[in-house]
N, C-alpha and C. Protein backbone atom coordinates (compact mmCIF):
# COMPACT_ATOMS: atom_id res chain seq x y z
N MET A 1 1.21 -0.48 0.04
CA MET A 1 0.18 -0.18 -0.09
C MET A 1 1.18 0.79 0.08
N ALA A 2 0.72 2.10 -0.81
CA ALA A 2 0.71 2.83 -1.15
C ALA A 2 0.85 4.68 -0.51
N THR A 3 1.72 5.36 0.49
CA THR A 3 0.88 6.49 1.90
C THR A 3 1.26 7.40 0.07
N LYS A 4 0.06 8.45 0.37
CA LYS A 4 0.35 9.96 0.19
C LYS A 4 1.72 10.26 0.74
N ASN A 5 2.09 11.52 -0.51
CA ASN A 5 3.06 11.99 -0.03
C ASN A 5 2.67 13.56 0.54
N THR A 6 2.52 13.82 1.51
CA THR A 6 1.77 15.33 1.67
C THR A 6 2.41 16.67 1.48
N ASN A 7 4.07 16.03 1.88
CA ASN A 7 5.40 16.85 1.95
C ASN A 7 5.72 17.66 0.58
N ASN A 8 4.51 18.00 -0.01
CA ASN A 8 4.97 18.51 -2.04
C ASN A 8 5.48 19.88 -1.95
N LYS A 9 7.04 19.86 -2.11
CA LYS A 9 6.66 21.36 -1.68
C LYS A 9 6.99 22.69 -2.89
N SER A 10 7.40 20.96 -4.14
CA SER A 10 7.00 22.20 -5.39
C SER A 10 5.78 22.83 -5.73
N ALA A 11 4.22 22.73 -5.12
CA ALA A 11 3.00 23.54 -5.31
C ALA A 11 3.01 24.16 -4.70
N PRO A 12 3.46 25.59 -4.20
CA PRO A 12 2.88 26.15 -2.71
C PRO A 12 1.02 26.51 -2.79
N LYS A 13 0.91 26.54 -1.91
CA LYS A 13 -0.56 26.12 -1.38
C LYS A 13 -0.98 27.83 -1.85
N ASN A 14 -0.86 28.27 -1.83
CA ASN A 14 -0.96 30.44 -2.43
C ASN A 14 0.31 30.85 -3.00
N PRO A 15 -0.31 30.73 -4.19
CA PRO A 15 1.03 31.08 -5.06
C PRO A 15 1.43 32.64 -5.74
N LYS A 16 0.41 33.68 -4.65
CA LYS A 16 0.09 35.21 -4.76
C LYS A 16 1.33 35.27 -3.59
N TYR A 17 1.87 34.78 -2.75
CA TYR A 17 2.87 34.81 -1.69
C TYR A 17 4.03 34.33 -2.05
N ASN A 18 5.34 35.30 -1.37
CA ASN A 18 7.00 35.07 -2.16
C ASN A 18 7.15 34.71 -1.14
N ARG A 19 7.18 32.88 -1.84
CA ARG A 19 8.02 31.81 -1.29
C ARG A 19 9.68 31.83 -1.41
N GLN A 20 10.42 32.94 -2.19
CA GLN A 20 11.73 32.78 -1.93
C GLN A 20 11.88 33.83 -0.35
N ALA A 21 10.90 34.38 0.03
CA ALA A 21 11.85 35.13 1.50
C ALA A 21 11.43 34.14 2.86
N HIS A 22 13.51 34.51 3.27
CA HIS A 22 13.35 34.00 4.28
C HIS A 22 13.13 34.73 5.74
N ASN A 23 12.33 36.39 5.39
CA ASN A 23 11.69 36.51 7.28
C ASN A 23 10.41 37.01 6.66
N PRO A 24 9.60 36.52 7.77
CA PRO A 24 7.94 36.21 7.63
C PRO A 24 7.41 37.94 7.12
N THR A 25 8.36 38.71 7.74
CA THR A 25 8.62 40.05 7.07
C THR A 25 8.64 39.95 5.85
N ASP A 26 8.82 39.50 4.77
CA ASP A 26 9.20 39.87 3.52
C ASP A 26 8.21 39.16 3.01
N MET A 27 7.53 38.18 3.11
CA MET A 27 6.24 37.71 3.01
C MET A 27 5.41 38.93 2.47
N VAL A 28 5.27 39.28 1.59
CA VAL A 28 4.39 40.33 1.17
C VAL A 28 3.30 39.79 0.13
N LEU A 29 2.18 40.38 0.22
CA LEU A 29 0.66 39.85 -0.82
C LEU A 29 1.61 40.91 -1.98
N LYS A 30 1.03 40.08 -3.11
CA LYS A 30 1.65 40.56 -4.66
C LYS A 30 0.23 41.34 -4.56
N LYS A 31 0.36 41.85 -5.07
CA LYS A 31 -1.19 42.31 -5.75
C LYS A 31 -1.53 43.13 -6.85
N PRO A 32 -1.59 42.97 -8.29
CA PRO A 32 -1.44 43.02 -9.60
C PRO A 32 -1.86 44.76 -9.09
N TYR A 33 -1.58 45.39 -10.58
CA TYR A 33 -1.55 46.79 -10.69
C TYR A 33 -2.93 47.06 -11.04
N LYS A 34 -4.03 47.86 -10.60
CA LYS A 34 -5.36 48.23 -10.70
C LYS A 34 -5.08 49.79 -11.10
N ASN A 35 -5.84 50.58 -12.70
CA ASN A 35 -5.96 50.94 -12.27
C ASN A 35 -6.75 52.26 -12.16
N PRO A 36 -6.43 53.40 -11.41
CA PRO A 36 -7.46 54.19 -10.83
C PRO A 36 -8.62 54.58 -10.93
N THR A 37 -9.03 54.66 -12.72
CA THR A 37 -10.35 55.25 -12.94
C THR A 37 -10.90 54.15 -13.09
N GLU A 38 -10.64 52.54 -11.98
CA GLU A 38 -11.57 51.72 -12.00
C GLU A 38 -11.79 51.08 -10.65
N THR A 39 -11.19 52.40 -10.23
CA THR A 39 -12.29 52.27 -8.45
C THR A 39 -13.00 53.33 -8.45
N TRP A 40 -13.61 53.06 -7.34
CA TRP A 40 -14.52 54.04 -6.98
C TRP A 40 -13.82 55.78 -6.16
N TRP A 41 -12.35 55.49 -5.72
CA TRP A 41 -12.25 56.88 -5.74
C TRP A 41 -11.56 57.53 -6.82
N GLY A 42 -10.93 56.25 -7.46
CA GLY A 42 -10.17 57.31 -9.09
C GLY A 42 -11.65 58.12 -9.76
N LYS A 43 -12.97 57.32 -10.29
CA LYS A 43 -13.76 57.65 -10.49
C LYS A 43 -14.53 59.05 -9.74
N ILE A 44 -14.94 59.17 -8.32
CA ILE A 44 -15.11 60.66 -8.09
C ILE A 44 -14.19 61.80 -8.51
N ILE A 45 -12.79 60.98 -8.83
CA ILE A 45 -11.61 62.11 -8.51
C ILE A 45 -11.71 62.13 -9.95
N VAL A 46 -11.64 62.06 -11.09
CA VAL A 46 -12.54 62.38 -12.79
C VAL A 46 -13.01 62.91 -13.24
N TRP A 47 -14.86 62.39 -12.36
CA TRP A 47 -16.00 63.02 -12.09
C TRP A 47 -16.24 64.36 -11.44
N LEU A 48 -15.63 64.70 -10.78
CA LEU A 48 -15.18 65.72 -9.77
C LEU A 48 -13.96 66.84 -10.78
N LEU A 49 -13.60 66.24 -11.31
CA LEU A 49 -11.60 67.38 -12.48
C LEU A 49 -12.94 67.68 -12.92
N VAL A 50 -13.68 66.94 -14.13
CA VAL A 50 -14.69 66.79 -15.90
C VAL A 50 -15.85 68.58 -14.66
N PHE A 51 -16.24 67.77 -13.78
CA PHE A 51 -17.39 68.98 -13.48
C PHE A 51 -16.90 70.23 -13.07
N GLY A 52 -15.74 70.27 -12.45
CA GLY A 52 -14.96 71.56 -11.69
C GLY A 52 -14.66 72.24 -13.62
N MET A 53 -13.67 71.77 -14.17
CA MET A 53 -13.80 71.81 -15.70
C MET A 53 -14.84 73.25 -16.46
N VAL A 54 -16.32 71.75 -16.80
CA VAL A 54 -16.79 72.24 -17.23
C VAL A 54 -17.64 73.29 -16.87
N GLY A 55 -17.75 73.70 -15.88
CA GLY A 55 -18.60 74.73 -14.36
C GLY A 55 -17.84 75.49 -14.88
N GLY A 56 -16.31 75.84 -14.58
CA GLY A 56 -15.63 76.61 -14.84
C GLY A 56 -15.34 77.57 -15.71
N VAL A 57 -15.78 76.90 -17.19
CA VAL A 57 -15.96 77.59 -18.33
C VAL A 57 -17.20 77.76 -18.70
N ILE A 58 -18.32 77.56 -18.03
CA ILE A 58 -19.45 77.54 -18.25
C ILE A 58 -19.19 79.29 -17.52
N LEU A 59 -19.23 78.95 -15.81
CA LEU A 59 -19.32 79.99 -15.52
C LEU A 59 -18.33 81.63 -15.32
N SER A 60 -17.54 81.00 -16.27
CA SER A 60 -16.54 82.73 -16.50
C SER A 60 -17.57 83.08 -17.94
N PHE A 61 -17.75 81.96 -18.47
CA PHE A 61 -18.93 82.56 -19.98
C PHE A 61 -19.90 83.29 -18.96
N ILE A 62 -20.14 82.85 -18.93
CA ILE A 62 -22.18 83.66 -18.11
C ILE A 62 -21.32 85.21 -17.35
N LEU A 63 -20.15 85.26 -16.09
CA LEU A 63 -19.54 86.67 -15.51
C LEU A 63 -19.32 87.53 -17.13
N SER A 64 -18.60 86.87 -18.30
CA SER A 64 -18.41 87.90 -19.18
C SER A 64 -19.28 88.06 -19.92
N ILE A 65 -20.33 86.72 -19.87
CA ILE A 65 -21.73 87.95 -20.65
C ILE A 65 -22.07 88.87 -19.64
N ILE A 66 -22.37 88.73 -18.14
CA ILE A 66 -23.25 89.72 -17.41
C ILE A 66 -22.22 91.32 -17.11
N ASN A 67 -20.63 90.56 -17.54
CA ASN A 67 -20.24 92.11 -17.54
C ASN A 67 -19.44 93.24 -18.82
N ASN A 68 -20.97 92.30 -19.85
CA ASN A 68 -20.35 92.92 -20.70
C ASN A 68 -18.82 93.12 -21.97
N ASN A 69 -18.25 91.41 -21.41
CA ASN A 69 -16.94 91.22 -22.01
C ASN A 69 -16.91 90.97 -23.10
N ALA A 70 -18.09 90.21 -23.70
CA ALA A 70 -18.15 89.02 -24.21
C ALA A 70 -17.78 90.12 -25.69
């Protein structure tokens, strides 16, 4: 009867961790790069910039009409 080898070191349990680390603090979770515009805070920043720029153009146009500078 053959016994199952449970000491298989060639296949890591979680490939996201750095197995070559010598120190437990060196075992850092490697997260893939995520585009900031795909996150909720990135979308908020982009929309605030867009509304701010469009609002600035519209506001300056209205103020120039009111002050007879257009």
